[in-house]
Amino acid sequence: LVEYDEALQGSFDRRRFALELHSLAAKTVDGIPIESCKTRFRCVD
């Protein structure tokens, strides 16, 4: 779960971040396949 300030809305590419995050998790921790990663975003008003 990624909670982010509304001030980041226009400059934070959430999809690209999630895809890179999933790859990073799979490389960093044994037993985490990319296919099992799920990322949700919540903009904080």
All heavy atoms as atom14 arrays in JSON, in Angstrom:
{
  "sequence": "LVEYDEALQGSFDRRRFALELHSLAAKTVDGIPIESCKTRFRCVD",
  "atom14_mask": [
    [1, 1, 1, 1, 1, 1, 1, 1, 0, 0, 0, 0, 0, 0],
    [1, 1, 1, 1, 1, 1, 1, 0, 0, 0, 0, 0, 0, 0],
    [1, 1, 1, 1, 1, 1, 1, 1, 1, 0, 0, 0, 0, 0],
    [1, 1, 1, 1, 1, 1, 1, 1, 1, 1, 1, 1, 0, 0],
    [1, 1, 1, 1, 1, 1, 1, 1, 0, 0, 0, 0, 0, 0],
    [1, 1, 1, 1, 1, 1, 1, 1, 1, 0, 0, 0, 0, 0],
    [1, 1, 1, 1, 1, 0, 0, 0, 0, 0, 0, 0, 0, 0],
    [1, 1, 1, 1, 1, 1, 1, 1, 0, 0, 0, 0, 0, 0],
    [1, 1, 1, 1, 1, 1, 1, 1, 1, 0, 0, 0, 0, 0],
    [1, 1, 1, 1, 0, 0, 0, 0, 0, 0, 0, 0, 0, 0],
    [1, 1, 1, 1, 1, 1, 0, 0, 0, 0, 0, 0, 0, 0],
    [1, 1, 1, 1, 1, 1, 1, 1, 1, 1, 1, 0, 0, 0],
    [1, 1, 1, 1, 1, 1, 1, 1, 0, 0, 0, 0, 0, 0],
    [1, 1, 1, 1, 1, 1, 1, 1, 1, 1, 1, 0, 0, 0],
    [1, 1, 1, 1, 1, 1, 1, 1, 1, 1, 1, 0, 0, 0],
    [1, 1, 1, 1, 1, 1, 1, 1, 1, 1, 1, 0, 0, 0],
    [1, 1, 1, 1, 1, 1, 1, 1, 1, 1, 1, 0, 0, 0],
    [1, 1, 1, 1, 1, 0, 0, 0, 0, 0, 0, 0, 0, 0],
    [1, 1, 1, 1, 1, 1, 1, 1, 0, 0, 0, 0, 0, 0],
    [1, 1, 1, 1, 1, 1, 1, 1, 1, 0, 0, 0, 0, 0],
    [1, 1, 1, 1, 1, 1, 1, 1, 0, 0, 0, 0, 0, 0],
    [1, 1, 1, 1, 1, 1, 1, 1, 1, 1, 0, 0, 0, 0],
    [1, 1, 1, 1, 1, 1, 0, 0, 0, 0, 0, 0, 0, 0],
    [1, 1, 1, 1, 1, 1, 1, 1, 0, 0, 0, 0, 0, 0],
    [1, 1, 1, 1, 1, 0, 0, 0, 0, 0, 0, 0, 0, 0],
    [1, 1, 1, 1, 1, 0, 0, 0, 0, 0, 0, 0, 0, 0],
    [1, 1, 1, 1, 1, 1, 1, 1, 1, 0, 0, 0, 0, 0],
    [1, 1, 1, 1, 1, 1, 1, 0, 0, 0, 0, 0, 0, 0],
    [1, 1, 1, 1, 1, 1, 1, 0, 0, 0, 0, 0, 0, 0],
    [1, 1, 1, 1, 1, 1, 1, 1, 0, 0, 0, 0, 0, 0],
    [1, 1, 1, 1, 0, 0, 0, 0, 0, 0, 0, 0, 0, 0],
    [1, 1, 1, 1, 1, 1, 1, 1, 0, 0, 0, 0, 0, 0],
    [1, 1, 1, 1, 1, 1, 1, 0, 0, 0, 0, 0, 0, 0],
    [1, 1, 1, 1, 1, 1, 1, 1, 0, 0, 0, 0, 0, 0],
    [1, 1, 1, 1, 1, 1, 1, 1, 1, 0, 0, 0, 0, 0],
    [1, 1, 1, 1, 1, 1, 0, 0, 0, 0, 0, 0, 0, 0],
    [1, 1, 1, 1, 1, 1, 0, 0, 0, 0, 0, 0, 0, 0],
    [1, 1, 1, 1, 1, 1, 1, 1, 1, 0, 0, 0, 0, 0],
    [1, 1, 1, 1, 1, 1, 1, 0, 0, 0, 0, 0, 0, 0],
    [1, 1, 1, 1, 1, 1, 1, 1, 1, 1, 1, 0, 0, 0],
    [1, 1, 1, 1, 1, 1, 1, 1, 1, 1, 1, 0, 0, 0],
    [1, 1, 1, 1, 1, 1, 1, 1, 1, 1, 1, 0, 0, 0],
    [1, 1, 1, 1, 1, 1, 0, 0, 0, 0, 0, 0, 0, 0],
    [1, 1, 1, 1, 1, 1, 1, 0, 0, 0, 0, 0, 0, 0],
    [1, 1, 1, 1, 1, 1, 1, 1, 0, 0, 0, 0, 0, 0]
  ],
  "atom14_positions": [
    [[0.86, -1.18, 0.0], [0.0, 0.0, 0.0], [0.9, 1.23, 0.0], [1.77, 1.36, 0.86], [-0.92, 0.02, 1.23], [-1.78, 1.26, 1.4], [-2.73, 1.45, 0.22], [-2.56, 1.19, 2.7], [0.0, 0.0, 0.0], [0.0, 0.0, 0.0], [0.0, 0.0, 0.0], [0.0, 0.0, 0.0], [0.0, 0.0, 0.0], [0.0, 0.0, 0.0]],
    [[0.69, 2.09, -0.98], [1.46, 3.32, -1.08], [0.5, 4.48, -0.83], [-0.43, 4.7, -1.6], [2.11, 3.47, -2.48], [2.92, 4.76, -2.57], [2.97, 2.26, -2.8], [0.0, 0.0, 0.0], [0.0, 0.0, 0.0], [0.0, 0.0, 0.0], [0.0, 0.0, 0.0], [0.0, 0.0, 0.0], [0.0, 0.0, 0.0], [0.0, 0.0, 0.0]],
    [[0.73, 5.18, 0.26], [-0.04, 6.39, 0.56], [0.84, 7.58, 0.2], [2.01, 7.63, 0.59], [-0.42, 6.45, 2.03], [-1.4, 5.37, 2.42], [-1.82, 5.47, 3.87], [-0.92, 5.59, 4.74], [-3.02, 5.41, 4.14], [0.0, 0.0, 0.0], [0.0, 0.0, 0.0], [0.0, 0.0, 0.0], [0.0, 0.0, 0.0], [0.0, 0.0, 0.0]],
    [[0.27, 8.5, -0.57], [1.07, 9.62, -1.02], [0.24, 10.9, -0.96], [-0.97, 10.9, -1.09], [1.62, 9.4, -2.44], [0.54, 9.29, -3.48], [0.19, 10.4, -4.25], [-0.15, 8.1, -3.69], [-0.82, 10.31, -5.21], [-1.14, 8.0, -4.64], [-1.47, 9.1, -5.38], [-2.47, 9.02, -6.32], [0.0, 0.0, 0.0], [0.0, 0.0, 0.0]],
    [[0.94, 11.98, -0.73], [0.35, 13.3, -0.6], [-0.16, 13.79, -1.96], [0.46, 13.52, -3.0], [1.43, 14.25, -0.09], [0.89, 15.53, 0.47], [0.2, 16.26, -0.27], [1.16, 15.82, 1.65], [0.0, 0.0, 0.0], [0.0, 0.0, 0.0], [0.0, 0.0, 0.0], [0.0, 0.0, 0.0], [0.0, 0.0, 0.0], [0.0, 0.0, 0.0]],
    [[-1.25, 14.5, -1.94], [-1.82, 15.07, -3.17], [-0.81, 15.94, -3.92], [-0.85, 16.04, -5.14], [-3.08, 15.87, -2.83], [-3.88, 16.27, -4.01], [-5.21, 16.89, -3.62], [-5.29, 17.53, -2.56], [-6.17, 16.73, -4.4], [0.0, 0.0, 0.0], [0.0, 0.0, 0.0], [0.0, 0.0, 0.0], [0.0, 0.0, 0.0], [0.0, 0.0, 0.0]],
    [[0.15, 16.53, -3.2], [1.17, 17.37, -3.83], [2.03, 16.58, -4.82], [2.65, 17.16, -5.71], [2.07, 18.0, -2.76], [0.0, 0.0, 0.0], [0.0, 0.0, 0.0], [0.0, 0.0, 0.0], [0.0, 0.0, 0.0], [0.0, 0.0, 0.0], [0.0, 0.0, 0.0], [0.0, 0.0, 0.0], [0.0, 0.0, 0.0], [0.0, 0.0, 0.0]],
    [[2.06, 15.25, -4.69], [2.85, 14.4, -5.59], [2.06, 13.92, -6.81], [2.61, 13.3, -7.71], [3.38, 13.18, -4.83], [4.27, 13.46, -3.63], [4.61, 12.17, -2.92], [5.52, 14.21, -4.05], [0.0, 0.0, 0.0], [0.0, 0.0, 0.0], [0.0, 0.0, 0.0], [0.0, 0.0, 0.0], [0.0, 0.0, 0.0], [0.0, 0.0, 0.0]],
    [[0.77, 14.19, -6.82], [-0.14, 13.65, -7.84], [0.36, 13.84, -9.27], [0.35, 12.92, -10.06], [-1.52, 14.29, -7.67], [-2.6, 13.73, -8.54], [-3.15, 12.4, -8.05], [-2.89, 11.97, -6.95], [-3.9, 11.75, -8.89], [0.0, 0.0, 0.0], [0.0, 0.0, 0.0], [0.0, 0.0, 0.0], [0.0, 0.0, 0.0], [0.0, 0.0, 0.0]],
    [[0.81, 15.02, -9.61], [1.2, 15.29, -10.99], [2.57, 14.8, -11.38], [2.88, 14.7, -12.57], [0.0, 0.0, 0.0], [0.0, 0.0, 0.0], [0.0, 0.0, 0.0], [0.0, 0.0, 0.0], [0.0, 0.0, 0.0], [0.0, 0.0, 0.0], [0.0, 0.0, 0.0], [0.0, 0.0, 0.0], [0.0, 0.0, 0.0], [0.0, 0.0, 0.0]],
    [[3.42, 14.47, -10.41], [4.81, 14.11, -10.74], [5.17, 12.67, -10.38], [6.28, 12.23, -10.67], [5.76, 15.05, -10.01], [5.55, 14.97, -8.62], [0.0, 0.0, 0.0], [0.0, 0.0, 0.0], [0.0, 0.0, 0.0], [0.0, 0.0, 0.0], [0.0, 0.0, 0.0], [0.0, 0.0, 0.0], [0.0, 0.0, 0.0], [0.0, 0.0, 0.0]],
    [[4.26, 11.93, -9.81], [4.53, 10.56, -9.35], [3.85, 9.56, -10.28], [2.63, 9.44, -10.28], [4.03, 10.41, -7.9], [4.25, 9.06, -7.28], [5.45, 8.38, -7.43], [3.25, 8.48, -6.53], [5.64, 7.14, -6.84], [3.43, 7.25, -5.94], [4.63, 6.57, -6.09], [0.0, 0.0, 0.0], [0.0, 0.0, 0.0], [0.0, 0.0, 0.0]],
    [[4.65, 8.87, -11.1], [4.13, 7.89, -12.04], [3.91, 6.57, -11.29], [4.81, 5.75, -11.13], [5.14, 7.7, -13.18], [4.64, 6.76, -14.28], [3.71, 5.96, -14.02], [5.19, 6.83, -15.39], [0.0, 0.0, 0.0], [0.0, 0.0, 0.0], [0.0, 0.0, 0.0], [0.0, 0.0, 0.0], [0.0, 0.0, 0.0], [0.0, 0.0, 0.0]],
    [[2.69, 6.38, -10.83], [2.37, 5.25, -9.96], [2.56, 3.91, -10.67], [3.1, 2.97, -10.09], [0.95, 5.41, -9.41], [0.86, 6.63, -8.49], [-0.56, 6.9, -8.03], [-1.52, 7.1, -9.1], [-1.69, 8.24, -9.77], [-0.95, 9.29, -9.49], [-2.61, 8.34, -10.72], [0.0, 0.0, 0.0], [0.0, 0.0, 0.0], [0.0, 0.0, 0.0]],
    [[2.11, 3.78, -11.88], [2.22, 2.5, -12.59], [3.69, 2.11, -12.79], [4.08, 0.98, -12.53], [1.5, 2.55, -13.93], [1.56, 1.25, -14.69], [0.65, 1.26, -15.91], [0.77, 0.04, -16.66], [0.26, -1.14, -16.31], [-0.42, -1.25, -15.19], [0.42, -2.21, -17.06], [0.0, 0.0, 0.0], [0.0, 0.0, 0.0], [0.0, 0.0, 0.0]],
    [[4.49, 3.04, -13.24], [5.91, 2.76, -13.44], [6.58, 2.4, -12.12], [7.38, 1.45, -12.03], [6.62, 3.94, -14.08], [8.04, 3.61, -14.54], [8.65, 4.77, -15.21], [9.01, 5.72, -14.15], [10.04, 6.53, -14.19], [10.78, 6.6, -15.26], [10.32, 7.32, -13.2], [0.0, 0.0, 0.0], [0.0, 0.0, 0.0], [0.0, 0.0, 0.0]],
    [[6.23, 3.14, -11.05], [6.77, 2.84, -9.73], [6.42, 1.41, -9.31], [7.26, 0.66, -8.85], [6.25, 3.85, -8.7], [6.67, 3.53, -7.29], [7.96, 3.81, -6.85], [5.78, 2.92, -6.42], [8.35, 3.49, -5.55], [6.16, 2.61, -5.12], [7.45, 2.9, -4.69], [0.0, 0.0, 0.0], [0.0, 0.0, 0.0], [0.0, 0.0, 0.0]],
    [[5.15, 1.03, -9.47], [4.7, -0.31, -9.06], [5.43, -1.4, -9.83], [5.86, -2.4, -9.23], [3.19, -0.44, -9.24], [0.0, 0.0, 0.0], [0.0, 0.0, 0.0], [0.0, 0.0, 0.0], [0.0, 0.0, 0.0], [0.0, 0.0, 0.0], [0.0, 0.0, 0.0], [0.0, 0.0, 0.0], [0.0, 0.0, 0.0], [0.0, 0.0, 0.0]],
    [[5.58, -1.23, -11.12], [6.26, -2.25, -11.91], [7.72, -2.4, -11.49], [8.24, -3.52, -11.37], [6.15, -1.92, -13.4], [4.72, -1.99, -13.96], [4.69, -1.48, -15.4], [4.15, -3.39, -13.86], [0.0, 0.0, 0.0], [0.0, 0.0, 0.0], [0.0, 0.0, 0.0], [0.0, 0.0, 0.0], [0.0, 0.0, 0.0], [0.0, 0.0, 0.0]],
    [[8.39, -1.29, -11.23], [9.77, -1.35, -10.75], [9.84, -1.93, -9.34], [10.76, -2.68, -9.0], [10.41, 0.03, -10.79], [10.67, 0.51, -12.2], [11.3, 1.9, -12.26], [11.99, 2.29, -11.28], [11.11, 2.59, -13.27], [0.0, 0.0, 0.0], [0.0, 0.0, 0.0], [0.0, 0.0, 0.0], [0.0, 0.0, 0.0], [0.0, 0.0, 0.0]],
    [[8.85, -1.6, -8.52], [8.78, -2.12, -7.15], [8.62, -3.63, -7.14], [9.28, -4.34, -6.37], [7.63, -1.44, -6.4], [7.4, -1.86, -4.95], [8.64, -1.57, -4.1], [6.19, -1.14, -4.4], [0.0, 0.0, 0.0], [0.0, 0.0, 0.0], [0.0, 0.0, 0.0], [0.0, 0.0, 0.0], [0.0, 0.0, 0.0], [0.0, 0.0, 0.0]],
    [[7.76, -4.15, -8.0], [7.54, -5.6, -8.06], [8.84, -6.32, -8.46], [9.2, -7.34, -7.87], [6.43, -5.92, -9.05], [5.11, -5.36, -8.65], [4.01, -5.41, -9.48], [4.69, -4.73, -7.52], [2.98, -4.82, -8.88], [3.38, -4.41, -7.69], [0.0, 0.0, 0.0], [0.0, 0.0, 0.0], [0.0, 0.0, 0.0], [0.0, 0.0, 0.0]],
    [[9.53, -5.78, -9.44], [10.8, -6.36, -9.87], [11.83, -6.31, -8.75], [12.55, -7.28, -8.5], [11.3, -5.62, -11.11], [12.52, -6.14, -11.53], [0.0, 0.0, 0.0], [0.0, 0.0, 0.0], [0.0, 0.0, 0.0], [0.0, 0.0, 0.0], [0.0, 0.0, 0.0], [0.0, 0.0, 0.0], [0.0, 0.0, 0.0], [0.0, 0.0, 0.0]],
    [[11.9, -5.2, -8.07], [12.83, -5.03, -6.96], [12.54, -6.03, -5.84], [13.46, -6.65, -5.3], [12.72, -3.6, -6.41], [13.53, -3.3, -5.16], [15.0, -3.15, -5.53], [13.01, -2.05, -4.49], [0.0, 0.0, 0.0], [0.0, 0.0, 0.0], [0.0, 0.0, 0.0], [0.0, 0.0, 0.0], [0.0, 0.0, 0.0], [0.0, 0.0, 0.0]],
    [[11.28, -6.23, -5.51], [10.9, -7.17, -4.45], [11.33, -8.58, -4.82], [11.87, -9.31, -3.99], [9.4, -7.11, -4.2], [0.0, 0.0, 0.0], [0.0, 0.0, 0.0], [0.0, 0.0, 0.0], [0.0, 0.0, 0.0], [0.0, 0.0, 0.0], [0.0, 0.0, 0.0], [0.0, 0.0, 0.0], [0.0, 0.0, 0.0], [0.0, 0.0, 0.0]],
    [[11.1, -8.97, -6.06], [11.46, -10.32, -6.51], [12.97, -10.53, -6.48], [13.44, -11.63, -6.17], [10.91, -10.56, -7.92], [0.0, 0.0, 0.0], [0.0, 0.0, 0.0], [0.0, 0.0, 0.0], [0.0, 0.0, 0.0], [0.0, 0.0, 0.0], [0.0, 0.0, 0.0], [0.0, 0.0, 0.0], [0.0, 0.0, 0.0], [0.0, 0.0, 0.0]],
    [[13.74, -9.49, -6.78], [15.2, -9.6, -6.75], [15.76, -9.59, -5.34], [16.78, -10.2, -5.07], [15.83, -8.44, -7.53], [15.76, -8.57, -9.01], [16.57, -7.48, -9.66], [15.66, -6.69, -10.57], [16.23, -5.51, -11.13], [0.0, 0.0, 0.0], [0.0, 0.0, 0.0], [0.0, 0.0, 0.0], [0.0, 0.0, 0.0], [0.0, 0.0, 0.0]],
    [[15.08, -8.91, -4.43], [15.61, -8.69, -3.08], [15.25, -9.82, -2.12], [16.03, -10.14, -1.23], [15.09, -7.34, -2.52], [15.39, -6.32, -3.46], [15.73, -7.0, -1.19], [0.0, 0.0, 0.0], [0.0, 0.0, 0.0], [0.0, 0.0, 0.0], [0.0, 0.0, 0.0], [0.0, 0.0, 0.0], [0.0, 0.0, 0.0], [0.0, 0.0, 0.0]],
    [[14.08, -10.41, -2.27], [13.6, -11.41, -1.31], [13.3, -12.73, -2.03], [12.44, -12.76, -2.92], [12.34, -10.91, -0.57], [11.87, -11.95, 0.44], [12.58, -9.57, 0.11], [0.0, 0.0, 0.0], [0.0, 0.0, 0.0], [0.0, 0.0, 0.0], [0.0, 0.0, 0.0], [0.0, 0.0, 0.0], [0.0, 0.0, 0.0], [0.0, 0.0, 0.0]],
    [[14.01, -13.79, -1.63], [13.71, -15.12, -2.18], [12.27, -15.49, -1.86], [11.79, -15.25, -0.75], [14.64, -16.18, -1.58], [16.05, -16.09, -2.15], [16.21, -15.55, -3.26], [16.97, -16.56, -1.47], [0.0, 0.0, 0.0], [0.0, 0.0, 0.0], [0.0, 0.0, 0.0], [0.0, 0.0, 0.0], [0.0, 0.0, 0.0], [0.0, 0.0, 0.0]],
    [[11.59, -16.08, -2.82], [10.23, -16.54, -2.59], [9.16, -15.52, -2.93], [7.98, -15.78, -2.73], [0.0, 0.0, 0.0], [0.0, 0.0, 0.0], [0.0, 0.0, 0.0], [0.0, 0.0, 0.0], [0.0, 0.0, 0.0], [0.0, 0.0, 0.0], [0.0, 0.0, 0.0], [0.0, 0.0, 0.0], [0.0, 0.0, 0.0], [0.0, 0.0, 0.0]],
    [[9.55, -14.34, -3.44], [8.56, -13.36, -3.9], [8.62, -13.31, -5.42], [9.51, -12.7, -6.0], [8.8, -11.95, -3.31], [8.6, -11.95, -1.81], [7.88, -10.94, -3.98], [8.77, -10.58, -1.16], [0.0, 0.0, 0.0], [0.0, 0.0, 0.0], [0.0, 0.0, 0.0], [0.0, 0.0, 0.0], [0.0, 0.0, 0.0], [0.0, 0.0, 0.0]],
    [[7.67, -13.97, -6.08], [7.61, -13.86, -7.54], [6.86, -12.58, -7.93], [5.94, -12.15, -7.22], [6.83, -15.1, -7.97], [6.01, -15.47, -6.79], [6.75, -14.98, -5.57], [0.0, 0.0, 0.0], [0.0, 0.0, 0.0], [0.0, 0.0, 0.0], [0.0, 0.0, 0.0], [0.0, 0.0, 0.0], [0.0, 0.0, 0.0], [0.0, 0.0, 0.0]],
    [[7.25, -12.0, -9.03], [6.58, -10.78, -9.5], [5.08, -11.01, -9.62], [4.27, -10.14, -9.3], [7.18, -10.31, -10.84], [8.6, -9.79, -10.62], [6.31, -9.24, -11.5], [9.34, -9.42, -11.89], [0.0, 0.0, 0.0], [0.0, 0.0, 0.0], [0.0, 0.0, 0.0], [0.0, 0.0, 0.0], [0.0, 0.0, 0.0], [0.0, 0.0, 0.0]],
    [[4.7, -12.21, -10.07], [3.27, -12.51, -10.3], [2.42, -12.42, -9.04], [1.21, -12.3, -9.13], [3.14, -13.92, -10.91], [3.74, -14.06, -12.29], [5.27, -14.16, -12.29], [5.88, -14.45, -11.24], [5.85, -13.93, -13.36], [0.0, 0.0, 0.0], [0.0, 0.0, 0.0], [0.0, 0.0, 0.0], [0.0, 0.0, 0.0], [0.0, 0.0, 0.0]],
    [[3.05, -12.47, -7.88], [2.26, -12.41, -6.65], [2.18, -11.0, -6.06], [1.47, -10.77, -5.09], [2.84, -13.37, -5.6], [4.09, -12.89, -5.14], [0.0, 0.0, 0.0], [0.0, 0.0, 0.0], [0.0, 0.0, 0.0], [0.0, 0.0, 0.0], [0.0, 0.0, 0.0], [0.0, 0.0, 0.0], [0.0, 0.0, 0.0], [0.0, 0.0, 0.0]],
    [[2.89, -10.05, -6.63], [2.92, -8.69, -6.1], [1.64, -7.94, -6.43], [1.15, -7.99, -7.56], [4.12, -7.93, -6.64], [5.7, -8.56, -6.09], [0.0, 0.0, 0.0], [0.0, 0.0, 0.0], [0.0, 0.0, 0.0], [0.0, 0.0, 0.0], [0.0, 0.0, 0.0], [0.0, 0.0, 0.0], [0.0, 0.0, 0.0], [0.0, 0.0, 0.0]],
    [[1.11, -7.24, -5.44], [-0.1, -6.43, -5.61], [0.15, -5.08, -4.94], [0.45, -5.03, -3.76], [-1.29, -7.09, -4.93], [-1.61, -8.48, -5.45], [-2.5, -9.18, -4.42], [-2.24, -10.63, -4.29], [-0.89, -11.09, -4.16], [0.0, 0.0, 0.0], [0.0, 0.0, 0.0], [0.0, 0.0, 0.0], [0.0, 0.0, 0.0], [0.0, 0.0, 0.0]],
    [[0.02, -4.01, -5.7], [0.24, -2.68, -5.15], [-1.01, -1.83, -5.33], [-1.58, -1.76, -6.41], [1.44, -1.99, -5.84], [2.61, -2.78, -5.62], [1.67, -0.59, -5.29], [0.0, 0.0, 0.0], [0.0, 0.0, 0.0], [0.0, 0.0, 0.0], [0.0, 0.0, 0.0], [0.0, 0.0, 0.0], [0.0, 0.0, 0.0], [0.0, 0.0, 0.0]],
    [[-1.4, -1.22, -4.22], [-2.53, -0.27, -4.23], [-1.99, 1.11, -3.89], [-1.03, 1.24, -3.14], [-3.58, -0.65, -3.19], [-4.22, -1.99, -3.44], [-4.99, -2.42, -2.23], [-4.02, -2.47, -1.13], [-4.28, -3.01, 0.03], [-5.43, -3.51, 0.31], [-3.37, -3.04, 0.98], [0.0, 0.0, 0.0], [0.0, 0.0, 0.0], [0.0, 0.0, 0.0]],
    [[-2.62, 2.12, -4.43], [-2.22, 3.5, -4.17], [-3.38, 4.24, -3.52], [-4.54, 4.07, -3.92], [-1.82, 4.2, -5.47], [-0.56, 3.64, -6.06], [-0.63, 2.61, -6.98], [0.67, 4.14, -5.69], [0.53, 2.07, -7.53], [1.83, 3.61, -6.25], [1.76, 2.58, -7.16], [0.0, 0.0, 0.0], [0.0, 0.0, 0.0], [0.0, 0.0, 0.0]],
    [[-3.06, 5.05, -2.57], [-4.07, 5.87, -1.9], [-3.54, 7.29, -1.81], [-2.54, 7.56, -1.13], [-4.36, 5.32, -0.51], [-5.45, 6.08, 0.22], [-5.74, 5.5, 1.59], [-6.16, 4.12, 1.47], [-5.92, 3.19, 2.39], [-5.26, 3.49, 3.48], [-6.34, 1.95, 2.22], [0.0, 0.0, 0.0], [0.0, 0.0, 0.0], [0.0, 0.0, 0.0]],
    [[-4.2, 8.2, -2.52], [-3.84, 9.61, -2.45], [-4.47, 10.2, -1.2], [-5.68, 10.07, -0.98], [-4.32, 10.35, -3.7], [-3.86, 12.09, -3.71], [0.0, 0.0, 0.0], [0.0, 0.0, 0.0], [0.0, 0.0, 0.0], [0.0, 0.0, 0.0], [0.0, 0.0, 0.0], [0.0, 0.0, 0.0], [0.0, 0.0, 0.0], [0.0, 0.0, 0.0]],
    [[-3.64, 10.82, -0.39], [-4.11, 11.43, 0.85], [-4.48, 12.88, 0.53], [-3.65, 13.65, 0.05], [-2.99, 11.38, 1.92], [-3.42, 12.07, 3.19], [-2.59, 9.94, 2.18], [0.0, 0.0, 0.0], [0.0, 0.0, 0.0], [0.0, 0.0, 0.0], [0.0, 0.0, 0.0], [0.0, 0.0, 0.0], [0.0, 0.0, 0.0], [0.0, 0.0, 0.0]],
    [[-5.73, 13.22, 0.78], [-6.21, 14.57, 0.46], [-5.48, 15.65, 1.26], [-5.23, 16.73, 0.75], [-7.71, 14.7, 0.75], [-8.55, 13.86, -0.18], [-8.09, 13.58, -1.3], [-9.67, 13.47, 0.21], [0.0, 0.0, 0.0], [0.0, 0.0, 0.0], [0.0, 0.0, 0.0], [0.0, 0.0, 0.0], [0.0, 0.0, 0.0], [0.0, 0.0, 0.0]]
  ]
}
